[in-house]
PDB file of N, CA and C in Angstrom:
ATOM      1  N   LEU A   1      -0.956  -4.458  -2.620  1.00  0.00           N
ATOM      2  CA  LEU A   1      -0.621  -3.437  -0.042  1.00  0.00           C
ATOM      3  C   LEU A   1      -1.219  -3.788   0.949  1.00  0.00           C
ATOM      4  N   ALA A   2      -1.935  -5.758   1.120  1.00  0.00           N
ATOM      5  CA  ALA A   2      -2.521  -5.032   1.979  1.00  0.00           C
ATOM      6  C   ALA A   2      -2.768  -4.908   3.403  1.00  0.00           C
ATOM      7  N   CYS A   3      -3.000  -4.158   3.966  1.00  0.00           N
ATOM      8  CA  CYS A   3      -3.505  -2.751   5.108  1.00  0.00           C
ATOM      9  C   CYS A   3      -4.167  -3.576   6.097  1.00  0.00           C
ATOM     10  N   ARG A   4      -3.887  -4.170   7.042  1.00  0.00           N
ATOM     11  CA  ARG A   4      -4.648  -4.873   7.913  1.00  0.00           C
ATOM     12  C   ARG A   4      -4.980  -4.430   9.304  1.00  0.00           C
ATOM     13  N   ALA A   5      -6.302  -4.633  10.053  1.00  0.00           N
ATOM     14  CA  ALA A   5      -5.651  -3.746  11.908  1.00  0.00           C
ATOM     15  C   ALA A   5      -6.831  -4.819  12.159  1.00  0.00           C
ATOM     16  N   ASP A   6      -6.774  -4.317  14.010  1.00  0.00           N
ATOM     17  CA  ASP A   6      -7.421  -4.816  14.872  1.00  0.00           C
ATOM     18  C   ASP A   6      -7.991  -4.696  15.083  1.00  0.00           C
ATOM     19  N   GLY A   7      -9.485  -3.901  16.388  1.00  0.00           N
ATOM     20  CA  GLY A   7      -9.731  -3.024  17.054  1.00  0.00           C
ATOM     21  C   GLY A   7     -11.157  -3.962  17.442  1.00  0.00           C
ATOM     22  N   ASP A   8     -11.559  -3.257  18.646  1.00  0.00           N
ATOM     23  CA  ASP A   8     -13.392  -3.259  18.858  1.00  0.00           C
ATOM     24  C   ASP A   8     -13.969  -2.687  18.764  1.00  0.00           C
ATOM     25  N   PRO A   9     -14.913  -2.085  18.213  1.00  0.00           N
ATOM     26  CA  PRO A   9     -15.297  -3.004  16.871  1.00  0.00           C
ATOM     27  C   PRO A   9     -14.112  -2.095  15.640  1.00  0.00           C
ATOM     28  N   PRO A  10     -14.417  -3.408  14.532  1.00  0.00           N
ATOM     29  CA  PRO A  10     -13.221  -3.744  14.032  1.00  0.00           C
ATOM     30  C   PRO A  10     -13.340  -2.623  12.887  1.00  0.00           C
ATOM     31  N   PRO A  11     -11.708  -2.019  12.571  1.00  0.00           N
ATOM     32  CA  PRO A  11     -11.829  -0.627  11.480  1.00  0.00           C
ATOM     33  C   PRO A  11     -12.454  -0.889  10.714  1.00  0.00           C
ATOM     34  N   SER A  12     -12.335   0.537   9.938  1.00  0.00           N
ATOM     35  CA  SER A  12     -12.159  -0.443   8.348  1.00  0.00           C
ATOM     36  C   SER A  12     -10.924   0.424   8.396  1.00  0.00           C
ATOM     37  N   THR A  13     -10.059   0.317   6.905  1.00  0.00           N
ATOM     38  CA  THR A  13      -8.352   0.279   6.676  1.00  0.00           C
ATOM     39  C   THR A  13      -8.708   0.576   4.859  1.00  0.00           C
ATOM     40  N   ARG A  14      -7.707   1.805   5.033  1.00  0.00           N
ATOM     41  CA  ARG A  14      -7.572   1.692   3.562  1.00  0.00           C
ATOM     42  C   ARG A  14      -6.290   2.215   3.214  1.00  0.00           C
ATOM     43  N   CYS A  15      -5.833   1.911   2.171  1.00  0.00           N
ATOM     44  CA  CYS A  15      -4.262   2.084   1.760  1.00  0.00           C
ATOM     45  C   CYS A  15      -3.884   2.995  -0.028  1.00  0.00           C
ATOM     46  N   THR A  16      -3.359   4.048   0.055  1.00  0.00           N
ATOM     47  CA  THR A  16      -3.722   4.588  -1.212  1.00  0.00           C
ATOM     48  C   THR A  16      -1.606   5.433  -1.275  1.00  0.00           C
ATOM     49  N   ARG A  17      -1.301   5.284  -2.415  1.00  0.00           N
ATOM     50  CA  ARG A  17       0.113   6.256  -2.088  1.00  0.00           C
ATOM     51  C   ARG A  17      -0.356   7.615  -2.814  1.00  0.00           C
ATOM     52  N   ASP A  18       1.288   7.782  -2.009  1.00  0.00           N
ATOM     53  CA  ASP A  18       0.933   9.818  -2.081  1.00  0.00           C
ATOM     54  C   ASP A  18      -0.029  10.008  -2.285  1.00  0.00           C
ATOM     55  N   GLY A  19      -0.786   9.949  -1.587  1.00  0.00           N
ATOM     56  CA  GLY A  19      -2.617  10.371  -0.764  1.00  0.00           C
ATOM     57  C   GLY A  19      -3.082  10.476  -2.441  1.00  0.00           C
ATOM     58  N   GLY A  20      -2.856   9.746  -2.723  1.00  0.00           N
ATOM     59  CA  GLY A  20      -3.650   9.183  -4.165  1.00  0.00           C
ATOM     60  C   GLY A  20      -4.985   8.098  -3.184  1.00  0.00           C
ATOM     61  N   PRO A  21      -5.953   7.852  -4.927  1.00  0.00           N
ATOM     62  CA  PRO A  21      -6.950   7.562  -3.712  1.00  0.00           C
ATOM     63  C   PRO A  21      -6.476   5.728  -3.401  1.00  0.00           C
ATOM     64  N   PRO A  22      -7.614   4.764  -3.698  1.00  0.00           N
ATOM     65  CA  PRO A  22      -7.435   3.521  -2.833  1.00  0.00           C
ATOM     66  C   PRO A  22      -7.397   3.136  -4.324  1.00  0.00           C
ATOM     67  N   ARG A  23      -5.965   2.231  -4.209  1.00  0.00           N
ATOM     68  CA  ARG A  23      -6.138   1.279  -5.315  1.00  0.00           C
ATOM     69  C   ARG A  23      -7.312  -0.284  -5.635  1.00  0.00           C
ATOM     70  N   ALA A  24      -7.049  -0.532  -6.716  1.00  0.00           N
ATOM     71  CA  ALA A  24      -7.913  -1.968  -6.288  1.00  0.00           C
ATOM     72  C   ALA A  24      -7.304  -3.007  -6.251  1.00  0.00           C
ATOM     73  N   ARG A  25      -7.583  -4.638  -4.779  1.00  0.00           N
ATOM     74  CA  ARG A  25      -7.157  -5.308  -4.730  1.00  0.00           C
ATOM     75  C   ARG A  25      -7.254  -6.658  -5.240  1.00  0.00           C
ATOM     76  N   GLY A  26      -6.715  -7.070  -4.683  1.00  0.00           N
ATOM     77  CA  GLY A  26      -6.633  -8.049  -6.288  1.00  0.00           C
ATOM     78  C   GLY A  26      -5.289  -8.357  -6.710  1.00  0.00           C
ATOM     79  N   SER A  27      -5.234  -9.132  -7.267  1.00  0.00           N
ATOM     80  CA  SER A  27      -3.036 -10.037  -8.119  1.00  0.00           C
ATOM     81  C   SER A  27      -3.559  -9.041  -9.388  1.00  0.00           C
ATOM     82  N   ARG A  28      -1.894  -8.275  -9.546  1.00  0.00           N
ATOM     83  CA  ARG A  28      -2.055  -8.176 -11.175  1.00  0.00           C
ATOM     84  C   ARG A  28       0.006  -7.793 -11.080  1.00  0.00           C
ATOM     85  N   ALA A  29      -0.002  -7.138 -12.402  1.00  0.00           N
ATOM     86  CA  ALA A  29       1.386  -7.752 -12.256  1.00  0.00           C
ATOM     87  C   ALA A  29       2.231  -6.222 -11.404  1.00  0.00           C
ATOM     88  N   VAL A  30       3.247  -5.482 -11.160  1.00  0.00           N
ATOM     89  CA  VAL A  30       4.008  -5.163 -10.246  1.00  0.00           C
ATOM     90  C   VAL A  30       4.348  -4.257 -10.682  1.00  0.00           C
ATOM     91  N   SER A  31       5.186  -2.917 -11.248  1.00  0.00           N
ATOM     92  CA  SER A  31       5.732  -2.099 -12.255  1.00  0.00           C
ATOM     93  C   SER A  31       7.262  -1.224 -11.319  1.00  0.00           C
ATOM     94  N   ARG A  32       7.786  -0.675 -11.880  1.00  0.00           N
ATOM     95  CA  ARG A  32       8.498   0.191 -11.129  1.00  0.00           C
ATOM     96  C   ARG A  32       7.636   1.909  -9.944  1.00  0.00           C
ATOM     97  N   ALA A  33       6.810   1.710 -11.711  1.00  0.00           N
ATOM     98  CA  ALA A  33       6.279   3.053 -11.249  1.00  0.00           C
ATOM     99  C   ALA A  33       4.939   2.332 -10.461  1.00  0.00           C
ATOM    100  N   ASP A  34       5.150   0.955  -8.987  1.00  0.00           N
ATOM    101  CA  ASP A  34       3.906   1.179  -8.192  1.00  0.00           C
ATOM    102  C   ASP A  34       5.651   1.487  -6.818  1.00  0.00           C
ATOM    103  N   ALA A  35       6.147   2.139  -7.076  1.00  0.00           N
ATOM    104  CA  ALA A  35       7.875   1.940  -6.326  1.00  0.00           C
ATOM    105  C   ALA A  35       7.700   3.597  -5.692  1.00  0.00           C
ATOM    106  N   GLY A  36       7.088   3.779  -4.111  1.00  0.00           N
ATOM    107  CA  GLY A  36       6.826   5.128  -3.647  1.00  0.00           C
ATOM    108  C   GLY A  36       6.203   5.152  -1.839  1.00  0.00           C
ATOM    109  N   ARG A  37       6.038   5.823  -2.070  1.00  0.00           N
ATOM    110  CA  ARG A  37       5.519   5.793  -0.314  1.00  0.00           C
ATOM    111  C   ARG A  37       3.831   5.562  -0.288  1.00  0.00           C
ATOM    112  N   TYR A  38       3.639   5.025   0.605  1.00  0.00           N
ATOM    113  CA  TYR A  38       2.441   4.730   0.710  1.00  0.00           C
ATOM    114  C   TYR A  38       1.477   4.610   2.324  1.00  0.00           C
ATOM    115  N   VAL A  39       0.342   4.909   2.204  1.00  0.00           N
ATOM    116  CA  VAL A  39      -0.009   5.611   3.795  1.00  0.00           C
ATOM    117  C   VAL A  39      -1.390   4.633   3.712  1.00  0.00           C
ATOM    118  N   CYS A  40      -1.441   4.006   5.115  1.00  0.00           N
ATOM    119  CA  CYS A  40      -2.236   2.445   5.527  1.00  0.00           C
ATOM    120  C   CYS A  40      -3.248   3.496   6.595  1.00  0.00           C
ATOM    121  N   ARG A  41      -4.592   3.445   6.298  1.00  0.00           N
ATOM    122  CA  ARG A  41      -4.789   4.202   7.992  1.00  0.00           C
ATOM    123  C   ARG A  41      -5.888   3.418   8.178  1.00  0.00           C
ATOM    124  N   ALA A  42      -5.901   2.786   9.736  1.00  0.00           N
ATOM    125  CA  ALA A  42      -7.503   2.148  10.335  1.00  0.00           C
ATOM    126  C   ALA A  42      -7.830   2.902  10.552  1.00  0.00           C
ATOM    127  N   SER A  43      -9.505   3.141  10.761  1.00  0.00           N
ATOM    128  CA  SER A  43     -10.145   3.988  11.800  1.00  0.00           C
ATOM    129  C   SER A  43     -12.110   3.037  12.215  1.00  0.00           C
ATOM    130  N   ASN A  44     -11.969   3.539  13.476  1.00  0.00           N
ATOM    131  CA  ASN A  44     -13.007   2.980  13.688  1.00  0.00           C
ATOM    132  C   ASN A  44     -13.666   4.330  14.698  1.00  0.00           C
ATOM    133  N   LYS A  45     -14.911   4.279  16.006  1.00  0.00           N
ATOM    134  CA  LYS A  45     -15.439   5.624  16.174  1.00  0.00           C
ATOM    135  C   LYS A  45     -14.755   5.489  17.534  1.00  0.00           C
ATOM    136  N   HIS A  46     -13.503   4.704  17.535  1.00  0.00           N
ATOM    137  CA  HIS A  46     -12.610   5.509  19.305  1.00  0.00           C
ATOM    138  C   HIS A  46     -11.629   5.850  18.216  1.00  0.00           C
ATOM    139  N   GLY A  47     -11.386   5.767  16.714  1.00  0.00           N
ATOM    140  CA  GLY A  47     -10.720   6.495  15.936  1.00  0.00           C
ATOM    141  C   GLY A  47      -8.988   6.291  14.474  1.00  0.00           C
ATOM    142  N   SER A  48      -8.003   6.448  14.801  1.00  0.00           N
ATOM    143  CA  SER A  48      -7.783   6.187  13.716  1.00  0.00           C
ATOM    144  C   SER A  48      -6.331   6.145  13.989  1.00  0.00           C
ATOM    145  N   ALA A  49      -5.739   5.558  13.403  1.00  0.00           N
ATOM    146  CA  ALA A  49      -4.369   5.412  13.098  1.00  0.00           C
ATOM    147  C   ALA A  49      -3.537   5.141  11.714  1.00  0.00           C
ATOM    148  N   VAL A  50      -2.124   5.583  11.307  1.00  0.00           N
ATOM    149  CA  VAL A  50      -1.979   5.735  10.396  1.00  0.00           C
ATOM    150  C   VAL A  50      -0.249   5.356  10.260  1.00  0.00           C
ATOM    151  N   ARG A  51      -0.061   4.362   9.173  1.00  0.00           N
ATOM    152  CA  ARG A  51       1.633   4.205   9.153  1.00  0.00           C
ATOM    153  C   ARG A  51       1.138   4.306   7.693  1.00  0.00           C
ATOM    154  N   SER A  52       3.442   3.836   7.964  1.00  0.00           N
ATOM    155  CA  SER A  52       3.522   5.253   6.130  1.00  0.00           C
ATOM    156  C   SER A  52       4.672   3.453   5.820  1.00  0.00           C
ATOM    157  N   ILE A  53       4.525   3.412   4.793  1.00  0.00           N
ATOM    158  CA  ILE A  53       5.830   2.602   3.730  1.00  0.00           C
ATOM    159  C   ILE A  53       6.373   3.315   3.135  1.00  0.00           C
ATOM    160  N   VAL A  54       8.028   2.684   2.549  1.00  0.00           N
ATOM    161  CA  VAL A  54       8.415   3.216   1.557  1.00  0.00           C
ATOM    162  C   VAL A  54       8.775   1.318   0.154  1.00  0.00           C
ATOM    163  N   VAL A  55       8.101   1.905  -1.080  1.00  0.00           N
ATOM    164  CA  VAL A  55       8.082   0.634  -1.090  1.00  0.00           C
ATOM    165  C   VAL A  55       9.567   0.991  -2.552  1.00  0.00           C
ATOM    166  N   THR A  56       9.794  -0.201  -2.178  1.00  0.00           N
ATOM    167  CA  THR A  56      10.693  -0.251  -4.001  1.00  0.00           C
ATOM    168  C   THR A  56      10.458  -1.543  -4.691  1.00  0.00           C
ATOM    169  N   VAL A  57      10.687  -1.418  -5.645  1.00  0.00           N
ATOM    170  CA  VAL A  57      10.464  -2.258  -7.129  1.00  0.00           C
ATOM    171  C   VAL A  57      11.592  -2.600  -7.734  1.00  0.00           C
ATOM    172  N   GLU A  58      12.247  -3.717  -7.500  1.00  0.00           N
ATOM    173  CA  GLU A  58      13.073  -4.113  -8.099  1.00  0.00           C
ATOM    174  C   GLU A  58      12.711  -5.751  -8.743  1.00  0.00           C
ATOM    175  N   CYS A  59      14.037  -5.160 -10.041  1.00  0.00           N
ATOM    176  CA  CYS A  59      13.312  -6.365 -10.932  1.00  0.00           C
ATOM    177  C   CYS A  59      15.226  -7.343 -11.986  1.00  0.00           C
ATOM    178  N   GLU A  60      14.444  -8.144 -12.189  1.00  0.00           N
ATOM    179  CA  GLU A  60      15.871  -8.883 -13.413  1.00  0.00           C
ATOM    180  C   GLU A  60      14.805  -7.569 -14.647  1.00  0.00           C
ATOM    181  N   CYS A  61      16.031  -6.686 -14.720  1.00  0.00           N
ATOM    182  CA  CYS A  61      15.508  -6.309 -16.090  1.00  0.00           C
ATOM    183  C   CYS A  61      17.231  -6.397 -17.228  1.00  0.00           C
ATOM    184  N   ARG A  62      16.457  -6.792 -18.435  1.00  0.00           N
ATOM    185  CA  ARG A  62      17.518  -7.672 -19.283  1.00  0.00           C
ATOM    186  C   ARG A  62      17.842  -6.602 -20.603  1.00  0.00           C
ATOM    187  N   GLY A  63      19.272  -6.437 -20.238  1.00  0.00           N
ATOM    188  CA  GLY A  63      19.802  -5.446 -21.277  1.00  0.00           C
ATOM    189  C   GLY A  63      20.647  -6.480 -22.221  1.00  0.00           C
ATOM    190  N   ARG A  64      21.122  -5.570 -22.711  1.00  0.00           N
ATOM    191  CA  ARG A  64      22.025  -5.509 -24.256  1.00  0.00           C
ATOM    192  C   ARG A  64      23.999  -6.547 -23.214  1.00  0.00           C
ATOM    193  N   GLY A  65      24.315  -7.958 -23.729  1.00  0.00           N
ATOM    194  CA  GLY A  65      24.914  -8.037 -23.378  1.00  0.00           C
ATOM    195  C   GLY A  65      25.618  -7.961 -21.704  1.00  0.00           C
ATOM    196  N   GLY A  66      24.392  -8.556 -20.957  1.00  0.00           N
ATOM    197  CA  GLY A  66      23.902  -8.740 -20.091  1.00  0.00           C
ATOM    198  C   GLY A  66      24.126 -10.363 -20.229  1.00  0.00           C
TER     199      GLY A  66
END
């Protein structure tokens, strides 16, 4: 999940899941376990801004008889 913000000076950003540690950037496989509430925070010397988003993971599940 990318967290982007504009400001002067440019803010530092981080995105965490449910108050957990920041996740590594880069591509990786997404699973249902990645669903949940994420919080993105941008901050610089003037203050900070916080936004949250709920991520839902849908998949094409291959079951019997389907």
